[in-house]
Each structure stands twice: as C-alpha cells, then as structure tokens.
Protein backbone atom coordinates (compact mmCIF):
# COMPACT_ATOMS: atom_id res chain seq x y z
CA MET A 1 34.01 43.12 50.17
CA ARG A 2 35.83 40.10 52.47
CA SER A 3 38.06 38.62 51.11
CA SER A 4 37.38 35.00 50.95
CA VAL A 5 35.79 32.41 48.27
CA ARG A 6 32.37 32.82 49.36
CA SER A 7 32.13 36.41 48.64
CA TYR A 8 33.67 35.72 45.39
CA LEU A 9 31.10 33.04 44.32
CA LEU A 10 28.08 35.34 45.65
CA VAL A 11 29.50 38.08 43.72
CA THR A 12 29.83 35.98 40.36
CA CYS A 13 26.67 34.76 40.84
CA GLY A 14 24.75 38.15 41.26
CA ALA A 15 26.72 39.53 38.64
CA ALA A 16 25.60 36.70 36.23
CA ILE A 17 22.23 36.86 37.08
CA GLN A 18 22.42 40.99 36.92
CA GLY A 19 23.57 40.38 33.13
CA PHE A 20 21.00 37.39 32.09
CA ALA A 21 17.98 40.06 33.20
CA MET A 22 19.83 42.57 31.02
CA ALA A 23 20.80 40.42 27.55
CA MET A 24 17.32 38.43 27.92
CA PHE A 25 14.73 40.76 28.91
CA LEU A 26 15.64 44.32 29.01
CA PHE A 27 18.36 45.38 26.50
CA PRO A 28 16.06 43.45 23.52
CA ASN A 29 13.31 45.88 24.66
CA SER A 30 15.57 48.77 24.64
CA ILE A 31 14.79 49.20 28.76
CA PRO A 32 17.72 50.89 30.52
CA SER A 33 19.08 48.82 33.48
CA GLY A 34 19.59 51.80 35.39
CA GLY A 35 21.70 54.62 35.06
CA ALA A 36 25.09 52.77 33.28
CA GLY A 37 22.43 50.62 31.34
CA GLY A 38 21.02 53.99 30.29
CA LEU A 39 24.67 55.16 29.35
CA ALA A 40 25.30 51.86 27.42
CA VAL A 41 22.55 52.23 25.45
CA LEU A 42 22.99 55.40 24.09
CA LEU A 43 26.46 54.66 23.02
CA ASN A 44 25.07 51.66 21.02
CA TYR A 45 22.62 53.84 19.30
CA TRP A 46 24.92 56.80 18.73
CA PHE A 47 28.45 54.71 17.93
CA ASN A 48 26.97 51.05 17.63
CA ILE A 49 29.14 50.01 20.45
CA PRO A 50 28.27 46.51 21.70
CA LEU A 51 26.28 46.85 24.59
CA SER A 52 28.60 44.18 26.62
CA PHE A 53 31.80 46.68 26.50
CA ALA A 54 29.52 50.54 25.93
CA LEU A 55 28.06 48.89 29.74
CA TRP A 56 31.48 47.83 31.10
CA PHE A 57 33.55 51.25 29.99
CA VAL A 58 30.79 52.96 31.84
CA ASN A 59 31.00 51.18 34.76
CA PHE A 60 34.76 51.46 34.80
CA SER A 61 34.87 55.21 34.32
CA LEU A 62 32.48 55.78 36.92
CA LEU A 63 34.32 53.17 39.67
CA VAL A 64 37.33 54.89 39.00
CA VAL A 65 36.03 57.97 40.51
CA ALA A 66 34.43 55.95 43.35
CA VAL A 67 37.54 53.97 44.38
CA TYR A 68 38.52 56.31 46.92
CA TRP A 69 35.45 56.21 49.14
CA LEU A 70 34.48 52.51 48.46
CA GLY A 71 38.25 51.68 49.16
CA ASN A 72 40.65 48.90 47.22
CA ALA A 73 38.90 45.81 48.22
CA SER A 74 35.63 46.72 47.57
CA ALA A 75 36.50 48.73 44.10
CA LEU A 76 38.54 45.50 43.09
CA GLY A 77 35.31 43.35 43.91
CA THR A 78 33.09 46.13 41.80
CA MET A 79 35.42 45.93 38.91
CA TYR A 80 35.33 41.79 38.98
CA GLY A 81 31.05 42.14 39.31
CA ILE A 82 31.13 44.29 36.38
CA SER A 83 33.78 42.23 34.15
CA ILE A 84 31.58 39.15 35.04
CA THR A 85 28.29 41.28 34.24
CA SER A 86 29.74 42.42 30.71
CA LEU A 87 30.53 39.01 29.84
CA SER A 88 27.32 37.53 30.89
CA ILE A 89 25.58 39.94 28.78
CA HIS A 90 27.90 39.31 25.98
CA PHE A 91 27.44 35.29 26.27
CA PHE A 92 23.62 35.17 26.68
CA THR A 93 23.33 37.58 23.88
CA VAL A 94 25.41 35.15 21.81
CA THR A 95 23.99 31.60 22.89
CA LEU A 96 20.87 32.12 24.00
CA PRO A 97 18.80 34.32 21.72
CA MET A 98 15.40 35.04 22.60
CA PRO A 99 12.84 36.54 20.84
CA SER A 100 10.79 39.50 23.11
CA MET A 101 7.39 37.70 24.09
CA ASN A 102 5.52 40.54 25.36
CA LEU A 103 6.98 43.80 26.02
CA TRP A 104 5.17 44.02 29.87
CA PHE A 105 6.26 40.51 30.91
CA ASP A 106 10.12 40.70 29.57
CA LEU A 107 9.71 44.22 32.03
CA ILE A 108 8.18 42.54 34.78
CA ILE A 109 10.24 39.20 34.51
CA GLY A 110 13.85 40.75 34.33
CA SER A 111 13.24 43.56 36.54
CA VAL A 112 12.46 41.01 39.60
CA ILE A 113 15.79 39.02 38.20
CA LEU A 114 17.74 42.21 37.83
CA GLY A 115 16.84 43.32 41.50
CA PHE A 116 17.78 39.76 42.80
CA GLY A 117 21.63 40.23 41.62
CA ILE A 118 21.83 43.37 42.65
CA GLY A 119 20.97 42.51 45.76
CA ILE A 120 23.59 39.90 46.28
CA LEU A 121 26.09 41.86 44.84
CA LEU A 122 25.19 44.81 47.82
CA ARG A 123 25.12 42.59 50.32
CA GLN A 124 29.00 41.67 49.70
CA GLY A 125 29.39 45.35 49.85
CA VAL A 126 29.99 45.36 45.90
CA SER A 127 28.61 47.76 43.44
CA ASN A 128 26.40 46.58 40.52
CA GLY A 129 28.57 49.50 38.97
CA GLY A 130 26.98 52.83 37.56
CA MET A 131 25.03 54.78 40.09
CA GLY A 132 24.89 51.71 41.97
CA VAL A 133 28.62 52.54 43.07
CA ILE A 134 26.60 56.26 44.40
CA ALA A 135 23.94 54.13 46.09
CA LEU A 136 26.54 52.12 47.80
CA LEU A 137 28.18 55.16 49.12
CA PHE A 138 24.61 56.58 50.50
CA SER A 139 24.15 53.24 52.31
CA LYS A 140 27.40 53.27 53.87
CA TYR A 141 27.62 56.58 55.24
CA ARG A 142 24.03 57.22 55.64
CA ASP A 143 22.95 53.82 56.72
CA ILE A 144 20.21 53.46 54.76
CA PRO A 145 18.88 50.69 52.29
CA PRO A 146 20.20 51.62 48.69
CA GLY A 147 17.35 50.97 46.79
CA ARG A 148 15.84 54.61 47.26
CA PRO A 149 19.24 56.73 45.79
CA LEU A 150 19.52 53.93 43.56
CA LEU A 151 15.80 55.12 42.07
CA LEU A 152 16.24 58.95 42.64
CA LEU A 153 19.61 59.14 40.90
CA ASN A 154 19.07 56.81 37.42
CA GLY A 155 16.36 59.25 36.74
CA SER A 156 18.20 61.73 35.06
CA ILE A 157 19.49 59.07 32.96
CA PHE A 158 16.10 58.03 32.22
CA ILE A 159 15.14 61.45 30.73
CA LEU A 160 18.28 61.77 28.65
CA THR A 161 17.46 58.54 27.11
CA ALA A 162 14.27 58.70 26.66
CA SER A 163 14.72 62.03 25.11
CA VAL A 164 17.32 60.48 22.42
CA ILE A 165 15.41 57.27 21.78
CA ASP A 166 11.47 57.10 23.05
CA TRP A 167 9.85 58.85 25.78
CA MET A 168 8.11 55.46 26.49
CA ILE A 169 11.57 54.59 27.61
CA ILE A 170 10.72 56.82 30.87
CA LEU A 171 7.91 54.91 31.63
CA LEU A 172 9.11 51.75 31.35
CA ALA A 173 12.44 52.42 32.88
CA ILE A 174 11.18 53.75 35.97
CA THR A 175 8.86 50.77 36.67
CA SER A 176 11.58 48.70 36.09
CA GLN A 177 13.61 50.59 38.63
CA TRP A 178 10.58 50.76 41.07
CA ILE A 179 10.28 47.11 40.77
CA SER A 180 14.34 45.95 40.98
CA THR A 181 14.92 48.41 43.72
CA HIS A 182 11.88 46.87 45.88
CA ILE A 183 13.93 43.50 45.44
CA VAL A 184 16.99 44.93 46.04
CA ASP A 185 15.61 46.00 49.68
CA ILE A 186 13.86 42.95 50.25
CA VAL A 187 17.18 40.76 49.24
CA PHE A 188 19.47 43.55 51.23
CA LYS A 189 17.27 43.33 54.36
CA ILE A 190 17.32 39.40 54.86
CA GLU A 191 19.04 38.75 57.95
CA VAL A 192 21.51 35.70 58.16
CA HIS A 193 21.44 33.94 61.49
CA PRO A 194 24.47 31.73 61.91
CA ARG A 195 23.70 28.48 62.88
CA ILE A 196 22.84 27.51 66.13
CA ARG A 197 25.23 25.10 68.25
CA LYS A 198 23.71 21.79 69.42
CA VAL A 199 25.94 21.90 72.32
CA THR A 200 25.09 23.86 74.87
CA HIS A 201 26.65 24.81 78.00
CA LEU A 202 25.62 24.22 81.84
CA PRO A 203 24.90 26.64 83.98
CA ALA A 204 27.59 27.68 86.35
CA SER A 205 25.57 26.15 89.26
CA VAL A 206 25.25 22.83 87.51
CA ALA A 207 29.08 22.78 86.69
CA TRP A 208 30.33 23.55 89.89
CA ARG A 209 28.53 20.37 91.07
CA LYS A 210 29.65 18.67 88.59
CA LYS A 211 33.02 19.12 89.59
C-alpha cells in the first residue's frame, strides 16, 4: 500500500463503508458478508461472541498466514482496515440500531454498499480481510479482477454456515456475493486519469524560432 495520508484516508473510508453495510443491512439478517463474515456469524451463534470482535479475530488469523505474500506494508494496511471495519460495526450497531425493513431490500442495498467499500480497499492494495486476502493474491499474481475468486472462495464458508443455521442463508449469501463482487470489479477497474496540464510544450521547430 502506498504510504501516504491519502491512501490511509481512502482505506478508512472503504473500511467504514464496509462496516456500515455489515452492521445495518447484512448481519441483522444473519447474511454473511463473505467467508470471514460467515465464520464470524458462526462464532456468534455458537459462543455468543460479539460480531465485531469475532470478525476481527477471524480476519487477523487469516492475515497472519498471508503476511509473507502480501508484504509488511500491505499487511499493515489490511490490519488497519480490518480494525476500522470492526470498530465501525460496533459503532453503528450501538448508536444506530435500525430494524430490518425488508429482507431483500436489506440484501440488495447492503451488498451494493459492501462492494463499494471493498472496491475502495482493494484499489489501495489492501485486502478487506478474510477470503479477500486470498482474492487479492490471485489478483496480484494472476493479473485478474478479484471479484471472481472472492465469490468462489466464499462459497464453501456459506455452505458451512447454512448447514449450521439455515439453508436459506446459501441463497442470500450467494446473491449478496454476486452483487457485491460485481460492484467490486466495477470500482476496481475504474481508471483515474491524472489531471491534464493546461501548459503545453511548444513543438521543437517553434521553440527554435523563438530563440
């Protein structure tokens, strides 16, 4: 990750957006936001561990394994992003409790917001955590958008979560992933062109005549 204030501001923004989507739209309906989210939901279901801490713990454990391939700078940025996401989940859950309006409305809106936040993180070379760590590795070494491997890797976690809680979760989780990963690819592919300078250089022949 580029070591700059701008990069960390973008990481903070992306992580907070991701946490907002999880806390306000997905987790209240027990919809896993991804592989790590699914494991966090299971830890909450089995051991009544707060979702914010469970998500941080799962992400941290996976990140430790991938530090070698991501590099220290990217790993540090990812850990920072994971912490901001977990704090955001706790903050929004406590301060903005919002009853679920409609399952499919929450699913669609939450997935779009989630994908936007993840896309911002991945553009900074920072994983959103969980299976996103592995998806970022695929994107880096295979030169492909991270959305597709992210969808495939999370599928196994969804099956496990659904088998424990409710099989309906598979449909909801895969739909959420399909929406969010498409948004991730859109955000990831956006090209930001540098500002074109208004001052242009004179052709060599004109410059010679001006001498």
